[in-house]
Structure formats: C-alpha cells, structure tokens
Amino acid sequence: MINGQNYSWEDISIVLPHGELINVENIDYSDGKELEQTYGKGSNPVGYGVGNYSAESKITMLKEEYEKLGQYAEKTGKGIYRMKPFPVVVNYANDDQASISDTLRDCKVTKVSNSAGQGDKKVKVELELKVLSGILWNGREPN
C-alpha cells in the first residue's frame, strides 16, 4: 500500500552562510556519544561509563559552489579554514510529509578535497566539517 511520497534528494535544501546550495551532490552528517563497558569480577560487564559527544559532516559540491563559499570567506576577511563557526541548515519538505529542519550548529571546515579525472564532466569538492555545538535533529537535542 502506498501512503504518500517519502523524502527524496529533490526535497532537500541546504543552507550555508553564503546562501542555499544549488550545485551540491551530497551531504552526510552524524553524531555519537562514547560509551564504554566497565568490568569487575568475572568476564561480564557490571556497568558502563559515558564519554564525550561529537558530531561531523561531509558535503560534496561542485567546484563552482565551492568558489562561492570561498568568495564569501574572503569577504569576511578570512580563509575557508579561518571562518567563524557557522550553521548548516538541512531542510526536508514535500507535499505529503511534514517539514523537517536539522541544524548543524557551529561548523568549522577541517578538510577540503578536490576530485577530478579524465573524462569527468564536472569537478567535485568535498568539505569535511566538525560540528562543534552538535546537531539539532528537527529541533531536538541529541542527548
């Protein structure tokens, strides 16, 4: 039974400080919290300890979009690695589902990778980001 349209790539919009991304091909983001089992007598865990929370993201865009972000960074007087922490907002919206908005708070670029090869019809740039203040999953704190 078909209950309606699910979210798809065309339902996603991604906003960085320089505006909505048009020439974007992929976004990955995730978070996690360290957890370690503690042991006492015997070989089975007797409890667990909780560690640090961390979040990260990767965005793959076309070279043209990366250049727009680079121009924005220059206007702020900084290079891409020295930009102030910025939010990345990922919106999901279609006619059959409620809108969802995930916010990656206080992102910093940690790595830029350029990929081009013989026969390619486009040049891709991948940004790796540390999400310093965590991810709001549709307005909800993760922890």
Protein backbone atom coordinates (compact mmCIF):
# COMPACT_ATOMS: atom_id res chain seq x y z
CA MET A 1 0.00 0.00 0.00
CA ILE A 2 1.35 3.43 -0.93
CA ASN A 3 0.86 6.00 1.81
CA GLY A 4 2.38 9.04 0.13
CA GLN A 5 5.62 10.48 -1.08
CA ASN A 6 8.72 9.88 1.03
CA TYR A 7 11.54 12.40 1.29
CA SER A 8 13.98 12.28 -1.61
CA TRP A 9 17.02 14.25 -2.71
CA GLU A 10 14.88 16.80 -4.53
CA ASP A 11 13.06 17.55 -1.24
CA ILE A 12 16.26 18.68 0.50
CA SER A 13 17.63 22.21 0.65
CA ILE A 14 20.96 23.00 2.31
CA VAL A 15 21.88 26.47 3.54
CA LEU A 16 25.42 27.64 4.36
CA PRO A 17 26.49 31.18 5.29
CA HIS A 18 26.71 32.28 1.66
CA GLY A 19 23.17 31.07 0.87
CA GLU A 20 21.30 28.00 -0.33
CA LEU A 21 23.48 25.43 -2.09
CA ILE A 22 22.49 24.80 -5.70
CA ASN A 23 25.49 22.85 -7.01
CA VAL A 24 25.51 20.25 -4.25
CA GLU A 25 25.55 16.48 -4.73
CA ASN A 26 25.69 15.00 -1.25
CA ILE A 27 25.55 15.73 2.46
CA ASP A 28 26.35 13.31 5.26
CA TYR A 29 26.08 14.18 8.91
CA SER A 30 26.20 12.15 12.07
CA ASP A 31 26.73 12.38 15.77
CA GLY A 32 27.58 9.98 18.53
CA LYS A 33 28.39 9.60 22.19
CA GLU A 34 31.19 7.48 23.58
CA LEU A 35 30.11 4.57 25.72
CA GLU A 36 32.37 2.08 27.40
CA GLN A 37 31.51 -1.03 29.35
CA THR A 38 33.04 -1.35 32.81
CA TYR A 39 34.11 -4.66 34.26
CA GLY A 40 34.52 -6.01 37.76
CA LYS A 41 34.66 -9.57 38.96
CA GLY A 42 34.11 -12.10 36.20
CA SER A 43 34.03 -11.58 32.44
CA ASN A 44 30.68 -9.81 32.06
CA PRO A 45 30.18 -6.05 32.21
CA VAL A 46 28.93 -4.69 35.52
CA GLY A 47 28.02 -1.28 34.15
CA TYR A 48 29.04 1.37 31.68
CA GLY A 49 30.60 4.80 31.51
CA VAL A 50 29.59 7.62 29.21
CA GLY A 51 32.10 9.82 27.42
CA ASN A 52 32.09 12.74 25.05
CA TYR A 53 29.58 13.70 22.38
CA SER A 54 30.83 14.56 18.88
CA ALA A 55 29.32 15.39 15.51
CA GLU A 56 30.67 15.72 11.98
CA SER A 57 29.58 16.28 8.41
CA LYS A 58 30.73 15.95 4.80
CA ILE A 59 29.33 17.95 1.92
CA THR A 60 30.12 17.20 -1.72
CA MET A 61 29.58 20.13 -4.05
CA LEU A 62 30.66 21.21 -7.50
CA LYS A 63 33.73 23.42 -7.83
CA GLU A 64 31.51 26.38 -8.77
CA GLU A 65 29.66 26.19 -5.44
CA TYR A 66 32.91 25.88 -3.52
CA GLU A 67 34.16 29.05 -5.22
CA LYS A 68 31.04 30.91 -4.00
CA LEU A 69 31.79 29.79 -0.45
CA GLY A 70 35.44 30.82 -0.90
CA GLN A 71 34.37 34.28 -2.07
CA TYR A 72 32.12 34.60 0.98
CA ALA A 73 35.08 33.64 3.23
CA GLU A 74 37.25 36.29 1.56
CA LYS A 75 34.58 38.96 2.14
CA THR A 76 34.70 38.19 5.86
CA GLY A 77 38.47 38.69 5.76
CA LYS A 78 39.24 35.05 6.44
CA GLY A 79 40.19 31.97 4.50
CA ILE A 80 37.99 28.88 4.39
CA TYR A 81 39.69 27.39 7.48
CA ARG A 82 39.55 30.62 9.47
CA MET A 83 35.87 31.39 9.00
CA LYS A 84 33.93 31.84 12.22
CA PRO A 85 31.86 28.78 13.16
CA PHE A 86 28.71 28.75 11.03
CA PRO A 87 25.44 26.81 10.96
CA VAL A 88 24.45 24.39 8.23
CA VAL A 89 20.69 24.01 7.91
CA VAL A 90 19.25 20.98 6.12
CA ASN A 91 15.54 21.27 5.29
CA TYR A 92 13.32 18.42 4.13
CA ALA A 93 9.96 19.34 2.62
CA ASN A 94 7.46 17.82 0.20
CA ASP A 95 3.69 17.89 -0.27
CA ASP A 96 2.99 14.61 1.56
CA GLN A 97 5.25 14.89 4.63
CA ALA A 98 5.75 17.35 7.47
CA SER A 99 8.72 19.68 7.03
CA ILE A 100 11.86 18.74 8.93
CA SER A 101 14.80 21.01 9.63
CA ASP A 102 18.11 19.70 11.01
CA THR A 103 20.65 22.27 12.18
CA LEU A 104 24.36 21.52 12.35
CA ARG A 105 25.50 24.15 14.87
CA ASP A 106 28.85 25.93 14.80
CA CYS A 107 30.58 24.11 11.92
CA LYS A 108 34.23 24.53 11.04
CA VAL A 109 35.86 23.26 7.86
CA THR A 110 38.62 20.76 8.69
CA LYS A 111 39.48 19.41 5.24
CA VAL A 112 38.89 20.25 1.59
CA SER A 113 39.31 17.55 -1.07
CA ASN A 114 39.18 18.22 -4.81
CA SER A 115 38.39 15.38 -7.21
CA ALA A 116 38.75 15.44 -10.98
CA GLY A 117 39.70 12.81 -13.50
CA GLN A 118 39.95 12.17 -17.21
CA GLY A 119 36.52 12.05 -18.78
CA ASP A 120 34.76 13.78 -15.87
CA LYS A 121 32.01 16.17 -16.80
CA LYS A 122 32.27 18.05 -13.51
CA VAL A 123 34.76 18.76 -10.75
CA LYS A 124 33.75 17.87 -7.20
CA VAL A 125 34.93 19.36 -3.93
CA GLU A 126 34.28 17.63 -0.61
CA LEU A 127 34.26 19.60 2.63
CA GLU A 128 34.74 17.83 5.94
CA LEU A 129 33.24 19.68 8.88
CA LYS A 130 33.43 19.38 12.65
CA VAL A 131 30.08 20.27 14.18
CA LEU A 132 31.25 21.97 17.36
CA SER A 133 27.92 22.56 19.11
CA GLY A 134 26.13 19.44 17.96
CA ILE A 135 23.19 18.67 15.73
CA LEU A 136 19.63 19.69 16.42
CA TRP A 137 17.59 16.84 14.92
CA ASN A 138 14.43 18.67 13.82
CA GLY A 139 14.78 20.98 16.81
CA ARG A 140 15.57 18.21 19.30
CA GLU A 141 18.82 17.95 21.25
CA PRO A 142 20.56 14.60 20.71
CA ASN A 143 21.46 13.93 24.34
